[in-house]
Protein backbone atom coordinates (compact mmCIF):
# COMPACT_ATOMS: atom_id res chain seq x y z
CA MET A 1 -37.43 37.29 83.98
CA ARG A 2 -37.04 33.92 82.39
CA ARG A 3 -33.98 33.72 80.48
CA PHE A 4 -33.77 32.49 76.80
CA PHE A 5 -30.92 31.43 74.60
CA LEU A 6 -30.10 33.45 71.28
CA SER A 7 -26.65 34.04 69.32
CA LYS A 8 -25.75 37.48 69.06
CA SER A 9 -26.13 37.53 65.16
CA SER A 10 -29.78 36.60 65.40
CA ILE A 11 -29.84 39.56 68.05
CA LEU A 12 -28.59 42.48 66.24
CA SER A 13 -30.36 40.73 62.69
CA GLY A 14 -32.76 43.53 63.39
CA ASN A 15 -35.15 40.52 63.53
CA PRO A 16 -34.71 38.53 66.26
CA ALA A 17 -36.69 35.39 67.14
CA LEU A 18 -37.41 32.24 69.07
CA THR A 19 -38.24 28.89 67.85
CA GLY A 20 -39.20 25.34 68.55
CA SER A 21 -38.91 23.81 72.25
CA ASP A 22 -38.54 28.02 73.32
CA VAL A 23 -41.62 28.82 71.91
CA ARG A 24 -43.68 26.10 73.21
CA HIS A 25 -42.37 26.99 76.85
CA ILE A 26 -42.88 30.40 76.71
CA ARG A 27 -46.84 29.80 75.22
CA ASN A 28 -47.84 27.06 76.82
CA VAL A 29 -45.72 26.96 80.16
CA LEU A 30 -45.10 30.37 81.30
CA ARG A 31 -48.51 31.81 79.28
CA LEU A 32 -46.12 35.10 78.21
CA GLY A 33 -47.59 36.79 74.81
CA PRO A 34 -47.33 40.37 72.96
CA GLY A 35 -46.41 43.12 75.73
CA ASP A 36 -44.25 40.80 77.96
CA ARG A 37 -41.00 40.69 78.52
CA ILE A 38 -38.22 37.99 78.61
CA ALA A 39 -34.36 37.83 79.07
CA ILE A 40 -32.13 37.09 76.24
CA PHE A 41 -28.19 36.14 76.31
CA ASP A 42 -26.63 35.50 73.66
CA GLY A 43 -23.26 33.02 75.47
CA GLU A 44 -20.94 35.66 75.20
CA GLY A 45 -21.35 37.69 78.22
CA THR A 46 -24.08 39.89 77.08
CA GLU A 47 -27.83 39.78 78.00
CA TYR A 48 -30.70 41.81 76.15
CA GLU A 49 -34.16 42.84 77.85
CA CYS A 50 -36.68 42.00 74.56
CA LYS A 51 -40.45 43.07 74.45
CA ILE A 52 -42.01 39.91 72.72
CA VAL A 53 -44.29 41.76 69.98
CA THR A 54 -45.72 38.13 68.35
CA SER A 55 -46.24 35.19 69.29
CA SER A 56 -47.38 32.16 67.31
CA PRO A 57 -47.31 28.52 67.63
CA ARG A 58 -43.88 28.22 65.80
CA CYS A 59 -42.20 31.37 66.56
CA ILE A 60 -41.87 34.67 68.58
CA THR A 61 -40.20 37.69 67.82
CA LEU A 62 -38.94 40.66 69.70
CA SER A 63 -37.78 43.71 70.25
CA VAL A 64 -34.49 44.88 72.01
CA LEU A 65 -35.06 46.78 74.80
CA ASN A 66 -31.90 47.19 76.16
CA SER A 67 -28.50 45.41 77.19
CA ALA A 68 -25.74 44.98 79.30
CA HIS A 69 -22.73 43.15 79.86
CA MET A 70 -22.86 40.54 82.65
CA THR A 71 -20.01 39.78 85.46
CA ARG A 72 -20.82 36.27 85.99
CA GLU A 73 -18.17 34.21 85.27
CA SER A 74 -15.46 33.20 87.86
CA PRO A 75 -12.18 34.56 87.67
CA VAL A 76 -10.29 31.56 87.65
CA HIS A 77 -10.19 29.73 84.36
CA ILE A 78 -11.13 26.43 84.88
CA THR A 79 -10.47 23.53 82.44
CA ILE A 80 -12.18 20.06 83.59
CA ALA A 81 -10.94 17.17 81.28
CA GLN A 82 -11.95 13.72 81.80
CA SER A 83 -11.86 10.28 80.60
CA LEU A 84 -15.34 9.44 78.53
CA LEU A 85 -18.00 7.97 81.37
CA LYS A 86 -20.35 5.21 80.73
CA GLY A 87 -24.33 5.96 79.89
CA SER A 88 -25.44 9.46 80.33
CA LYS A 89 -23.52 10.37 83.37
CA THR A 90 -21.30 12.91 81.43
CA ASP A 91 -24.68 14.66 80.71
CA TRP A 92 -25.13 15.45 84.42
CA ILE A 93 -21.83 16.22 84.87
CA ILE A 94 -21.34 18.74 82.47
CA GLN A 95 -24.85 20.44 84.17
CA LYS A 96 -23.55 20.41 87.25
CA LEU A 97 -19.84 22.07 85.61
CA THR A 98 -21.45 24.79 84.19
CA GLU A 99 -22.92 25.87 87.39
CA LEU A 100 -20.13 25.90 88.91
CA GLY A 101 -18.63 28.49 86.40
CA VAL A 102 -16.00 25.56 84.96
CA THR A 103 -14.90 27.62 82.00
CA THR A 104 -13.90 23.72 79.29
CA TYR A 105 -14.83 20.35 79.40
CA ILE A 106 -13.01 18.06 77.36
CA PRO A 107 -14.07 14.63 77.25
CA PHE A 108 -11.05 11.88 76.35
CA LEU A 109 -10.85 8.32 76.17
CA ALA A 110 -7.98 6.38 78.20
CA GLN A 111 -6.41 3.02 77.65
CA ARG A 112 -8.80 2.01 80.57
CA SER A 113 -11.78 3.88 78.98
CA ILE A 114 -14.96 1.69 79.08
CA PRO A 115 -16.86 3.40 76.75
CA LYS A 116 -15.66 3.49 72.91
CA LEU A 117 -17.29 5.82 70.82
CA ASP A 118 -17.39 6.04 67.11
CA ILE A 119 -16.98 9.44 64.75
CA GLY A 120 -20.99 9.89 64.32
CA ARG A 121 -21.47 8.80 68.05
CA ALA A 122 -18.84 11.29 69.38
CA GLU A 123 -20.41 13.99 67.17
CA SER A 124 -23.64 13.49 68.33
CA ARG A 125 -22.43 13.44 72.06
CA HIS A 126 -20.57 16.23 71.15
CA HIS A 127 -24.38 18.04 70.19
CA ARG A 128 -25.92 16.87 72.98
CA TRP A 129 -23.38 18.19 75.86
CA THR A 130 -23.29 21.22 74.19
CA LYS A 131 -27.20 21.81 73.78
CA ILE A 132 -27.02 20.85 77.46
CA ALA A 133 -24.43 23.65 78.59
CA TYR A 134 -26.63 26.77 76.57
CA GLU A 135 -29.90 24.99 78.71
CA THR A 136 -28.12 24.90 82.08
CA LEU A 137 -26.99 28.90 81.04
CA LYS A 138 -30.76 29.53 81.52
CA GLN A 139 -31.23 28.16 85.06
CA CYS A 140 -27.88 29.31 86.56
CA GLY A 141 -27.86 33.03 85.53
CA ARG A 142 -24.38 32.62 83.53
CA SER A 143 -23.90 34.69 80.14
CA VAL A 144 -20.84 32.83 78.82
CA VAL A 145 -21.76 29.54 77.73
CA PRO A 146 -18.21 26.85 78.43
CA GLU A 147 -16.60 25.52 75.85
CA ILE A 148 -16.76 21.35 75.31
CA LYS A 149 -14.73 20.29 73.48
CA PRO A 150 -14.48 16.94 71.09
CA LEU A 151 -13.33 13.83 72.14
CA SER A 152 -9.84 13.91 72.53
CA SER A 153 -7.08 11.14 73.48
CA PHE A 154 -5.50 10.74 76.28
CA ASP A 155 -1.86 12.17 74.55
CA GLU A 156 -4.04 15.25 72.87
CA ILE A 157 -5.33 16.11 76.93
CA ILE A 158 -1.69 16.47 78.27
CA ARG A 159 0.21 18.08 75.35
CA LEU A 160 -2.24 21.26 74.96
CA LYS A 161 -0.85 24.05 73.42
CA GLU A 162 -3.03 26.02 76.13
CA GLU A 163 -0.71 27.55 78.87
CA TYR A 164 -1.50 26.97 82.03
CA ASP A 165 -0.80 28.28 85.60
CA LEU A 166 -1.38 24.86 87.19
CA LYS A 167 -1.87 21.31 85.96
CA LEU A 168 -3.04 18.78 87.63
CA ILE A 169 -3.87 14.76 87.05
CA PHE A 170 -6.19 13.19 89.71
CA CYS A 171 -4.84 9.68 91.04
CA PRO A 172 -5.75 8.10 93.68
CA GLU A 173 -2.57 6.45 95.02
CA SER A 174 -0.87 9.67 94.14
CA ILE A 175 3.06 9.65 94.99
CA ASP A 176 3.17 13.45 94.89
CA LYS A 177 0.40 15.17 97.63
CA SER A 178 -2.60 16.10 98.20
CA LEU A 179 -4.72 18.38 96.58
CA LYS A 180 -4.82 20.40 100.05
CA TYR A 181 -1.33 20.52 100.65
CA LEU A 182 -0.33 21.41 97.45
CA ILE A 183 -3.12 24.74 97.27
CA ASP A 184 -1.67 25.10 100.71
CA GLY A 185 1.44 25.93 99.37
CA MET A 186 1.25 28.02 96.14
CA PRO A 187 0.59 31.12 94.95
CA LYS A 188 -3.71 31.68 92.83
CA PRO A 189 -2.94 30.48 89.82
CA GLN A 190 -5.62 32.54 86.74
CA LYS A 191 -5.90 29.15 84.77
CA ILE A 192 -6.24 25.43 85.94
CA ILE A 193 -6.94 22.07 83.98
CA GLY A 194 -7.59 19.23 86.15
CA VAL A 195 -7.00 15.52 84.38
CA ILE A 196 -9.72 13.10 86.24
CA GLY A 197 -9.43 9.37 85.20
CA PRO A 198 -11.37 6.25 83.88
CA GLU A 199 -13.13 3.79 86.51
CA GLY A 200 -9.77 1.94 86.25
CA GLY A 201 -7.84 4.67 86.98
CA PHE A 202 -4.90 5.66 85.07
CA THR A 203 -1.60 2.88 83.37
CA PRO A 204 1.49 3.71 84.91
CA ALA A 205 2.67 5.18 81.65
CA GLU A 206 0.05 7.95 81.30
CA ILE A 207 1.03 9.21 84.51
CA ASN A 208 4.17 9.14 83.65
CA ALA A 209 3.45 10.85 80.57
CA ALA A 210 1.42 13.46 81.94
CA ARG A 211 4.05 14.36 84.93
CA ASP A 212 6.83 14.48 81.95
CA CYS A 213 4.49 17.14 80.63
CA GLY A 214 4.31 19.36 83.73
CA TYR A 215 1.44 17.76 85.30
CA VAL A 216 1.00 17.71 88.89
CA GLN A 217 0.09 14.19 90.62
CA VAL A 218 -2.52 14.42 93.52
CA SER A 219 -5.11 12.98 95.24
CA LEU A 220 -8.65 13.71 96.58
CA GLY A 221 -8.37 12.27 99.97
CA VAL A 222 -8.02 8.34 101.48
CA ARG A 223 -11.73 7.31 99.34
CA ILE A 224 -11.99 6.80 95.75
CA LEU A 225 -14.39 8.64 94.54
CA ARG A 226 -17.36 7.75 91.64
CA GLY A 227 -15.65 9.92 88.08
CA GLU A 228 -18.93 11.76 88.03
CA THR A 229 -17.88 12.71 92.14
CA ALA A 230 -14.44 13.64 91.43
CA ALA A 231 -15.39 16.05 88.67
CA ILE A 232 -17.56 17.80 90.76
CA THR A 233 -15.41 18.07 93.57
CA VAL A 234 -12.71 19.24 91.90
CA ALA A 235 -14.71 21.43 90.17
CA ALA A 236 -16.19 22.83 93.63
CA ILE A 237 -12.80 22.96 95.43
CA LEU A 238 -11.01 24.78 92.62
CA GLN A 239 -13.91 27.38 92.32
CA TYR A 240 -13.88 28.03 96.47
CA VAL A 241 -10.25 28.42 96.58
CA TYR A 242 -9.26 30.30 93.61
CA GLY A 243 -12.85 31.20 92.18
CA ASP A 244 -16.02 32.71 93.20
CA LEU A 245 -17.95 30.07 94.69
CA GLY A 246 -19.73 31.03 98.68
CA TYR A 247 -18.81 34.98 97.64
């Protein structure tokens, strides 16, 4: 069955209904109508089998037949914090990180970040990124939406109050160790944060500040990766080693 999103409050209201682009997709693309069944997820881990009751160009009403808690989330909590990239690259990154099971994504501004957003544009981007995460859930089978944090500063990132078992800052010129060497020598963590810098890299002051906050400086190898490549690579490696990628 095709999957669509509704908030839990809407689903449990007694009158669940889909509106907007989902209606057009169901009616015009899937050619579904009253009596047909679709799957609804609430973004919190529960999926519902629903029957279409009525269908109009603006609204599709549903009745809930049954529900089940889904277990497609990774056993490891991965946060990717990344310096804001140019153009629409972040859109693509959020889509792919959602597919890979990342729990949280945090965009931030470092000293060498090229894009500079005012408050209005930052809020607009955040709304867009959250929508992309929800849309990706429809395709990839997840039932819990990843948390997309508002744009932050580098200082806010490295001083997050949330407790992590493993805190990584990625730098091509790492003086500590490679990620492979680090992974080979440590117990399995439950919560990981990986911080990825701008195209020009972190400044020495930023690296030192992160190390003072308990971050381990690591590299991804001898080749320099683009920001979007680095984010996907880090998530895939961490999911393969500590999560459920490939199971």
